[in-house]
Amino acid sequence: MGWGTGFSVGGCRALLRNLSAPPISSETCRVESLQGLLDHERADAAELTSLIEWVPVVEPISIRAGELGRRWMSSHSGIGAAPE
């Protein structure tokens, strides 16, 4: 599994394990990351995602994300909550 030039599972694993604290991301990002995986990529992805602290998208976060989306989506078309 790789995400373009210069990325490798081993490199990502080493980076995540050597951080002073686990990175934090939303459950929405986990869905977006996992939905397009091929079967042979799932084991590596499971290992890497286990090294991340996943937080739910609760109401205050979703309200703020909506505000930011309305502010920036017209000029930054790549911003979205889910892939199209």
PDB file of N, CA and C in Angstrom:
ATOM      1  N   MET A   1       0.852  -1.175   0.000  1.00  0.00           N
ATOM      2  CA  MET A   1       0.000   0.000   0.000  1.00  0.00           C
ATOM      3  C   MET A   1       0.888   1.224   0.000  1.00  0.00           C
ATOM      4  N   GLY A   2       0.606   2.166  -0.839  1.00  0.00           N
ATOM      5  CA  GLY A   2       1.350   3.400  -0.879  1.00  0.00           C
ATOM      6  C   GLY A   2       0.458   4.536  -1.314  1.00  0.00           C
ATOM      7  N   TRP A   3       0.850   5.742  -0.966  1.00  0.00           N
ATOM      8  CA  TRP A   3       0.043   6.913  -1.295  1.00  0.00           C
ATOM      9  C   TRP A   3       0.865   7.878  -2.116  1.00  0.00           C
ATOM     10  N   GLY A   4       1.406   7.413  -3.205  1.00  0.00           N
ATOM     11  CA  GLY A   4       2.196   8.280  -4.056  1.00  0.00           C
ATOM     12  C   GLY A   4       3.687   8.117  -3.787  1.00  0.00           C
ATOM     13  N   THR A   5       4.457   8.864  -4.497  1.00  0.00           N
ATOM     14  CA  THR A   5       5.911   8.787  -4.414  1.00  0.00           C
ATOM     15  C   THR A   5       6.407   9.161  -3.027  1.00  0.00           C
ATOM     16  N   GLY A   6       7.283   8.341  -2.492  1.00  0.00           N
ATOM     17  CA  GLY A   6       7.920   8.664  -1.226  1.00  0.00           C
ATOM     18  C   GLY A   6       7.219   8.133   0.013  1.00  0.00           C
ATOM     19  N   PHE A   7       6.040   7.569  -0.141  1.00  0.00           N
ATOM     20  CA  PHE A   7       5.322   7.034   1.009  1.00  0.00           C
ATOM     21  C   PHE A   7       5.377   5.523   0.992  1.00  0.00           C
ATOM     22  N   SER A   8       5.576   4.950   2.176  1.00  0.00           N
ATOM     23  CA  SER A   8       5.551   3.503   2.297  1.00  0.00           C
ATOM     24  C   SER A   8       4.925   3.142   3.627  1.00  0.00           C
ATOM     25  N   VAL A   9       4.403   1.952   3.717  1.00  0.00           N
ATOM     26  CA  VAL A   9       3.821   1.497   4.975  1.00  0.00           C
ATOM     27  C   VAL A   9       4.875   1.513   6.070  1.00  0.00           C
ATOM     28  N   GLY A  10       6.060   1.019   5.770  1.00  0.00           N
ATOM     29  CA  GLY A  10       7.127   0.995   6.772  1.00  0.00           C
ATOM     30  C   GLY A  10       7.487   2.385   7.255  1.00  0.00           C
ATOM     31  N   GLY A  11       7.575   3.335   6.334  1.00  0.00           N
ATOM     32  CA  GLY A  11       7.885   4.703   6.707  1.00  0.00           C
ATOM     33  C   GLY A  11       6.787   5.333   7.549  1.00  0.00           C
ATOM     34  N   CYS A  12       5.547   5.087   7.175  1.00  0.00           N
ATOM     35  CA  CYS A  12       4.411   5.612   7.951  1.00  0.00           C
ATOM     36  C   CYS A  12       4.381   4.974   9.336  1.00  0.00           C
ATOM     37  N   ARG A  13       4.608   3.679   9.385  1.00  0.00           N
ATOM     38  CA  ARG A  13       4.616   2.962  10.672  1.00  0.00           C
ATOM     39  C   ARG A  13       5.683   3.548  11.596  1.00  0.00           C
ATOM     40  N   ALA A  14       6.877   3.754  11.075  1.00  0.00           N
ATOM     41  CA  ALA A  14       7.971   4.299  11.885  1.00  0.00           C
ATOM     42  C   ALA A  14       7.638   5.711  12.358  1.00  0.00           C
ATOM     43  N   LEU A  15       7.113   6.518  11.478  1.00  0.00           N
ATOM     44  CA  LEU A  15       6.743   7.876  11.859  1.00  0.00           C
ATOM     45  C   LEU A  15       5.704   7.879  12.973  1.00  0.00           C
ATOM     46  N   LEU A  16       4.641   7.110  12.804  1.00  0.00           N
ATOM     47  CA  LEU A  16       3.569   7.084  13.804  1.00  0.00           C
ATOM     48  C   LEU A  16       4.041   6.538  15.143  1.00  0.00           C
ATOM     49  N   ARG A  17       4.886   5.532  15.122  1.00  0.00           N
ATOM     50  CA  ARG A  17       5.356   4.929  16.374  1.00  0.00           C
ATOM     51  C   ARG A  17       6.367   5.807  17.106  1.00  0.00           C
ATOM     52  N   ASN A  18       7.018   6.721  16.400  1.00  0.00           N
ATOM     53  CA  ASN A  18       8.042   7.552  17.022  1.00  0.00           C
ATOM     54  C   ASN A  18       7.540   8.934  17.445  1.00  0.00           C
ATOM     55  N   LEU A  19       6.278   9.186  17.288  1.00  0.00           N
ATOM     56  CA  LEU A  19       5.720  10.460  17.743  1.00  0.00           C
ATOM     57  C   LEU A  19       5.620  10.458  19.263  1.00  0.00           C
ATOM     58  N   SER A  20       5.689  11.625  19.871  1.00  0.00           N
ATOM     59  CA  SER A  20       5.575  11.717  21.329  1.00  0.00           C
ATOM     60  C   SER A  20       4.144  11.484  21.796  1.00  0.00           C
ATOM     61  N   ALA A  21       3.185  11.668  20.919  1.00  0.00           N
ATOM     62  CA  ALA A  21       1.772  11.405  21.216  1.00  0.00           C
ATOM     63  C   ALA A  21       1.128  10.949  19.911  1.00  0.00           C
ATOM     64  N   PRO A  22       0.091  10.127  20.004  1.00  0.00           N
ATOM     65  CA  PRO A  22      -0.538   9.666  18.765  1.00  0.00           C
ATOM     66  C   PRO A  22      -1.222  10.820  18.037  1.00  0.00           C
ATOM     67  N   PRO A  23      -1.204  10.786  16.707  1.00  0.00           N
ATOM     68  CA  PRO A  23      -1.945  11.805  15.975  1.00  0.00           C
ATOM     69  C   PRO A  23      -3.446  11.617  16.217  1.00  0.00           C
ATOM     70  N   ILE A  24      -4.197  12.676  16.076  1.00  0.00           N
ATOM     71  CA  ILE A  24      -5.639  12.638  16.304  1.00  0.00           C
ATOM     72  C   ILE A  24      -6.333  12.989  14.997  1.00  0.00           C
ATOM     73  N   SER A  25      -7.368  12.230  14.676  1.00  0.00           N
ATOM     74  CA  SER A  25      -8.140  12.495  13.468  1.00  0.00           C
ATOM     75  C   SER A  25      -9.587  12.117  13.714  1.00  0.00           C
ATOM     76  N   SER A  26     -10.459  12.556  12.829  1.00  0.00           N
ATOM     77  CA  SER A  26     -11.885  12.286  13.004  1.00  0.00           C
ATOM     78  C   SER A  26     -12.277  10.945  12.396  1.00  0.00           C
ATOM     79  N   GLU A  27     -13.353  10.402  12.917  1.00  0.00           N
ATOM     80  CA  GLU A  27     -13.896   9.158  12.364  1.00  0.00           C
ATOM     81  C   GLU A  27     -14.283   9.340  10.898  1.00  0.00           C
ATOM     82  N   THR A  28     -14.685  10.548  10.524  1.00  0.00           N
ATOM     83  CA  THR A  28     -15.019  10.813   9.121  1.00  0.00           C
ATOM     84  C   THR A  28     -13.805  10.580   8.234  1.00  0.00           C
ATOM     85  N   CYS A  29     -12.643  11.032   8.682  1.00  0.00           N
ATOM     86  CA  CYS A  29     -11.419  10.806   7.907  1.00  0.00           C
ATOM     87  C   CYS A  29     -11.084   9.328   7.813  1.00  0.00           C
ATOM     88  N   ARG A  30     -11.384   8.587   8.890  1.00  0.00           N
ATOM     89  CA  ARG A  30     -11.122   7.142   8.844  1.00  0.00           C
ATOM     90  C   ARG A  30     -11.984   6.487   7.770  1.00  0.00           C
ATOM     91  N   VAL A  31     -13.251   6.873   7.718  1.00  0.00           N
ATOM     92  CA  VAL A  31     -14.152   6.328   6.688  1.00  0.00           C
ATOM     93  C   VAL A  31     -13.613   6.655   5.302  1.00  0.00           C
ATOM     94  N   GLU A  32     -13.253   7.917   5.089  1.00  0.00           N
ATOM     95  CA  GLU A  32     -12.742   8.333   3.787  1.00  0.00           C
ATOM     96  C   GLU A  32     -11.477   7.574   3.407  1.00  0.00           C
ATOM     97  N   SER A  33     -10.633   7.304   4.382  1.00  0.00           N
ATOM     98  CA  SER A  33      -9.380   6.597   4.119  1.00  0.00           C
ATOM     99  C   SER A  33      -9.591   5.122   3.818  1.00  0.00           C
ATOM    100  N   LEU A  34     -10.526   4.506   4.501  1.00  0.00           N
ATOM    101  CA  LEU A  34     -10.693   3.061   4.387  1.00  0.00           C
ATOM    102  C   LEU A  34     -11.624   2.617   3.258  1.00  0.00           C
ATOM    103  N   GLN A  35     -12.515   3.483   2.827  1.00  0.00           N
ATOM    104  CA  GLN A  35     -13.522   3.034   1.870  1.00  0.00           C
ATOM    105  C   GLN A  35     -12.969   2.658   0.503  1.00  0.00           C
ATOM    106  N   GLY A  36     -11.838   3.213   0.133  1.00  0.00           N
ATOM    107  CA  GLY A  36     -11.303   2.900  -1.181  1.00  0.00           C
ATOM    108  C   GLY A  36     -10.209   1.854  -1.197  1.00  0.00           C
ATOM    109  N   LEU A  37      -9.990   1.186  -0.071  1.00  0.00           N
ATOM    110  CA  LEU A  37      -8.893   0.215  -0.006  1.00  0.00           C
ATOM    111  C   LEU A  37      -9.178  -1.045  -0.810  1.00  0.00           C
ATOM    112  N   LEU A  38      -8.140  -1.590  -1.359  1.00  0.00           N
ATOM    113  CA  LEU A  38      -8.211  -2.903  -1.990  1.00  0.00           C
ATOM    114  C   LEU A  38      -8.019  -3.959  -0.910  1.00  0.00           C
ATOM    115  N   ASP A  39      -8.476  -5.164  -1.166  1.00  0.00           N
ATOM    116  CA  ASP A  39      -8.394  -6.229  -0.159  1.00  0.00           C
ATOM    117  C   ASP A  39      -6.982  -6.424   0.375  1.00  0.00           C
ATOM    118  N   HIS A  40      -5.987  -6.399  -0.503  1.00  0.00           N
ATOM    119  CA  HIS A  40      -4.611  -6.653  -0.053  1.00  0.00           C
ATOM    120  C   HIS A  40      -4.036  -5.486   0.750  1.00  0.00           C
ATOM    121  N   GLU A  41      -4.700  -4.342   0.796  1.00  0.00           N
ATOM    122  CA  GLU A  41      -4.223  -3.185   1.552  1.00  0.00           C
ATOM    123  C   GLU A  41      -4.802  -3.112   2.965  1.00  0.00           C
ATOM    124  N   ARG A  42      -5.807  -3.918   3.240  1.00  0.00           N
ATOM    125  CA  ARG A  42      -6.555  -3.777   4.493  1.00  0.00           C
ATOM    126  C   ARG A  42      -5.746  -4.088   5.746  1.00  0.00           C
ATOM    127  N   ALA A  43      -4.888  -5.078   5.726  1.00  0.00           N
ATOM    128  CA  ALA A  43      -4.111  -5.437   6.920  1.00  0.00           C
ATOM    129  C   ALA A  43      -3.144  -4.314   7.296  1.00  0.00           C
ATOM    130  N   ASP A  44      -2.430  -3.774   6.309  1.00  0.00           N
ATOM    131  CA  ASP A  44      -1.514  -2.661   6.585  1.00  0.00           C
ATOM    132  C   ASP A  44      -2.283  -1.448   7.088  1.00  0.00           C
ATOM    133  N   ALA A  45      -3.405  -1.158   6.478  1.00  0.00           N
ATOM    134  CA  ALA A  45      -4.213  -0.007   6.896  1.00  0.00           C
ATOM    135  C   ALA A  45      -4.717  -0.187   8.323  1.00  0.00           C
ATOM    136  N   ALA A  46      -5.116  -1.391   8.670  1.00  0.00           N
ATOM    137  CA  ALA A  46      -5.594  -1.652  10.035  1.00  0.00           C
ATOM    138  C   ALA A  46      -4.480  -1.400  11.046  1.00  0.00           C
ATOM    139  N   GLU A  47      -3.282  -1.822  10.711  1.00  0.00           N
ATOM    140  CA  GLU A  47      -2.150  -1.581  11.614  1.00  0.00           C
ATOM    141  C   GLU A  47      -1.886  -0.088  11.772  1.00  0.00           C
ATOM    142  N   LEU A  48      -1.856   0.634  10.663  1.00  0.00           N
ATOM    143  CA  LEU A  48      -1.565   2.061  10.723  1.00  0.00           C
ATOM    144  C   LEU A  48      -2.677   2.840  11.426  1.00  0.00           C
ATOM    145  N   THR A  49      -3.921   2.505  11.132  1.00  0.00           N
ATOM    146  CA  THR A  49      -5.019   3.248  11.766  1.00  0.00           C
ATOM    147  C   THR A  49      -5.119   2.945  13.256  1.00  0.00           C
ATOM    148  N   SER A  50      -4.571   1.817  13.690  1.00  0.00           N
ATOM    149  CA  SER A  50      -4.590   1.515  15.126  1.00  0.00           C
ATOM    150  C   SER A  50      -3.649   2.436  15.904  1.00  0.00           C
ATOM    151  N   LEU A  51      -2.758   3.123  15.201  1.00  0.00           N
ATOM    152  CA  LEU A  51      -1.797   4.020  15.834  1.00  0.00           C
ATOM    153  C   LEU A  51      -2.300   5.466  15.912  1.00  0.00           C
ATOM    154  N   ILE A  52      -3.537   5.687  15.471  1.00  0.00           N
ATOM    155  CA  ILE A  52      -4.146   7.022  15.459  1.00  0.00           C
ATOM    156  C   ILE A  52      -5.264   7.055  16.486  1.00  0.00           C
ATOM    157  N   GLU A  53      -5.396   8.174  17.177  1.00  0.00           N
ATOM    158  CA  GLU A  53      -6.519   8.353  18.096  1.00  0.00           C
ATOM    159  C   GLU A  53      -7.677   8.935  17.287  1.00  0.00           C
ATOM    160  N   TRP A  54      -8.765   8.164  17.206  1.00  0.00           N
ATOM    161  CA  TRP A  54      -9.926   8.562  16.406  1.00  0.00           C
ATOM    162  C   TRP A  54     -10.974   9.212  17.303  1.00  0.00           C
ATOM    163  N   VAL A  55     -11.462  10.368  16.877  1.00  0.00           N
ATOM    164  CA  VAL A  55     -12.468  11.085  17.657  1.00  0.00           C
ATOM    165  C   VAL A  55     -13.759  11.194  16.853  1.00  0.00           C
ATOM    166  N   PRO A  56     -14.892  11.119  17.543  1.00  0.00           N
ATOM    167  CA  PRO A  56     -16.171  11.251  16.830  1.00  0.00           C
ATOM    168  C   PRO A  56     -16.398  12.691  16.379  1.00  0.00           C
ATOM    169  N   VAL A  57     -17.200  12.828  15.365  1.00  0.00           N
ATOM    170  CA  VAL A  57     -17.591  14.152  14.910  1.00  0.00           C
ATOM    171  C   VAL A  57     -18.888  14.493  15.641  1.00  0.00           C
ATOM    172  N   VAL A  58     -18.741  15.238  16.713  1.00  0.00           N
ATOM    173  CA  VAL A  58     -19.891  15.623  17.531  1.00  0.00           C
ATOM    174  C   VAL A  58     -20.430  16.967  17.039  1.00  0.00           C
ATOM    175  N   GLU A  59     -21.577  17.362  17.564  1.00  0.00           N
ATOM    176  CA  GLU A  59     -22.268  18.543  17.053  1.00  0.00           C
ATOM    177  C   GLU A  59     -21.408  19.802  16.963  1.00  0.00           C
ATOM    178  N   PRO A  60     -20.669  20.186  18.001  1.00  0.00           N
ATOM    179  CA  PRO A  60     -19.866  21.414  17.859  1.00  0.00           C
ATOM    180  C   PRO A  60     -18.844  21.344  16.726  1.00  0.00           C
ATOM    181  N   ILE A  61     -18.264  20.171  16.533  1.00  0.00           N
ATOM    182  CA  ILE A  61     -17.293  20.011  15.446  1.00  0.00           C
ATOM    183  C   ILE A  61     -17.993  20.086  14.097  1.00  0.00           C
ATOM    184  N   SER A  62     -19.137  19.435  13.959  1.00  0.00           N
ATOM    185  CA  SER A  62     -19.833  19.461  12.669  1.00  0.00           C
ATOM    186  C   SER A  62     -20.341  20.864  12.340  1.00  0.00           C
ATOM    187  N   ILE A  63     -20.780  21.612  13.342  1.00  0.00           N
ATOM    188  CA  ILE A  63     -21.223  22.989  13.100  1.00  0.00           C
ATOM    189  C   ILE A  63     -20.054  23.841  12.612  1.00  0.00           C
ATOM    190  N   ARG A  64     -18.913  23.732  13.272  1.00  0.00           N
ATOM    191  CA  ARG A  64     -17.728  24.502  12.866  1.00  0.00           C
ATOM    192  C   ARG A  64     -17.247  24.077  11.483  1.00  0.00           C
ATOM    193  N   ALA A  65     -17.259  22.786  11.210  1.00  0.00           N
ATOM    194  CA  ALA A  65     -16.849  22.303   9.890  1.00  0.00           C
ATOM    195  C   ALA A  65     -17.773  22.850   8.810  1.00  0.00           C
ATOM    196  N   GLY A  66     -19.063  22.914   9.097  1.00  0.00           N
ATOM    197  CA  GLY A  66     -20.007  23.497   8.147  1.00  0.00           C
ATOM    198  C   GLY A  66     -19.708  24.959   7.882  1.00  0.00           C
ATOM    199  N   GLU A  67     -19.392  25.695   8.943  1.00  0.00           N
ATOM    200  CA  GLU A  67     -19.038  27.114   8.790  1.00  0.00           C
ATOM    201  C   GLU A  67     -17.804  27.268   7.906  1.00  0.00           C
ATOM    202  N   LEU A  68     -16.784  26.475   8.189  1.00  0.00           N
ATOM    203  CA  LEU A  68     -15.553  26.547   7.401  1.00  0.00           C
ATOM    204  C   LEU A  68     -15.787  26.129   5.957  1.00  0.00           C
ATOM    205  N   GLY A  69     -16.609  25.097   5.772  1.00  0.00           N
ATOM    206  CA  GLY A  69     -16.928  24.659   4.413  1.00  0.00           C
ATOM    207  C   GLY A  69     -17.624  25.749   3.617  1.00  0.00           C
ATOM    208  N   ARG A  70     -18.591  26.400   4.221  1.00  0.00           N
ATOM    209  CA  ARG A  70     -19.295  27.479   3.521  1.00  0.00           C
ATOM    210  C   ARG A  70     -18.339  28.621   3.188  1.00  0.00           C
ATOM    211  N   ARG A  71     -17.398  28.861   4.077  1.00  0.00           N
ATOM    212  CA  ARG A  71     -16.451  29.959   3.866  1.00  0.00           C
ATOM    213  C   ARG A  71     -15.459  29.651   2.742  1.00  0.00           C
ATOM    214  N   TRP A  72     -14.982  28.418   2.686  1.00  0.00           N
ATOM    215  CA  TRP A  72     -13.858  28.103   1.808  1.00  0.00           C
ATOM    216  C   TRP A  72     -14.170  27.231   0.603  1.00  0.00           C
ATOM    217  N   MET A  73     -15.317  26.568   0.551  1.00  0.00           N
ATOM    218  CA  MET A  73     -15.556  25.608  -0.540  1.00  0.00           C
ATOM    219  C   MET A  73     -15.570  26.247  -1.924  1.00  0.00           C
ATOM    220  N   SER A  74     -16.093  27.455  -2.050  1.00  0.00           N
ATOM    221  CA  SER A  74     -16.165  28.059  -3.385  1.00  0.00           C
ATOM    222  C   SER A  74     -14.784  28.314  -3.977  1.00  0.00           C
ATOM    223  N   SER A  75     -13.817  28.632  -3.144  1.00  0.00           N
ATOM    224  CA  SER A  75     -12.469  28.890  -3.654  1.00  0.00           C
ATOM    225  C   SER A  75     -11.535  27.693  -3.521  1.00  0.00           C
ATOM    226  N   HIS A  76     -11.964  26.661  -2.803  1.00  0.00           N
ATOM    227  CA  HIS A  76     -11.142  25.469  -2.589  1.00  0.00           C
ATOM    228  C   HIS A  76     -12.006  24.233  -2.851  1.00  0.00           C
ATOM    229  N   SER A  77     -12.205  23.914  -4.103  1.00  0.00           N
ATOM    230  CA  SER A  77     -13.159  22.862  -4.492  1.00  0.00           C
ATOM    231  C   SER A  77     -12.795  21.467  -3.974  1.00  0.00           C
ATOM    232  N   GLY A  78     -11.556  21.256  -3.546  1.00  0.00           N
ATOM    233  CA  GLY A  78     -11.153  19.951  -3.041  1.00  0.00           C
ATOM    234  C   GLY A  78     -11.608  19.678  -1.620  1.00  0.00           C
ATOM    235  N   ILE A  79     -12.157  20.682  -0.943  1.00  0.00           N
ATOM    236  CA  ILE A  79     -12.619  20.502   0.429  1.00  0.00           C
ATOM    237  C   ILE A  79     -13.965  19.808   0.395  1.00  0.00           C
ATOM    238  N   GLY A  80     -14.127  18.797   1.231  1.00  0.00           N
ATOM    239  CA  GLY A  80     -15.400  18.101   1.334  1.00  0.00           C
ATOM    240  C   GLY A  80     -15.393  17.154   2.499  1.00  0.00           C
ATOM    241  N   ALA A  81     -16.575  16.736   2.904  1.00  0.00           N
ATOM    242  CA  ALA A  81     -16.693  15.801   4.020  1.00  0.00           C
ATOM    243  C   ALA A  81     -16.552  14.363   3.568  1.00  0.00           C
ATOM    244  N   ALA A  82     -16.808  14.111   2.302  1.00  0.00           N
ATOM    245  CA  ALA A  82     -16.713  12.752   1.766  1.00  0.00           C
ATOM    246  C   ALA A  82     -16.382  12.858   0.288  1.00  0.00           C
ATOM    247  N   PRO A  83     -15.671  11.866  -0.243  1.00  0.00           N
ATOM    248  CA  PRO A  83     -15.353  11.897  -1.663  1.00  0.00           C
ATOM    249  C   PRO A  83     -16.605  11.817  -2.517  1.00  0.00           C
ATOM    250  N   GLU A  84     -16.541  12.443  -3.660  1.00  0.00           N
ATOM    251  CA  GLU A  84     -17.692  12.428  -4.569  1.00  0.00           C
ATOM    252  C   GLU A  84     -17.605  11.263  -5.513  1.00  0.00           C
TER     253      GLU A  84
END
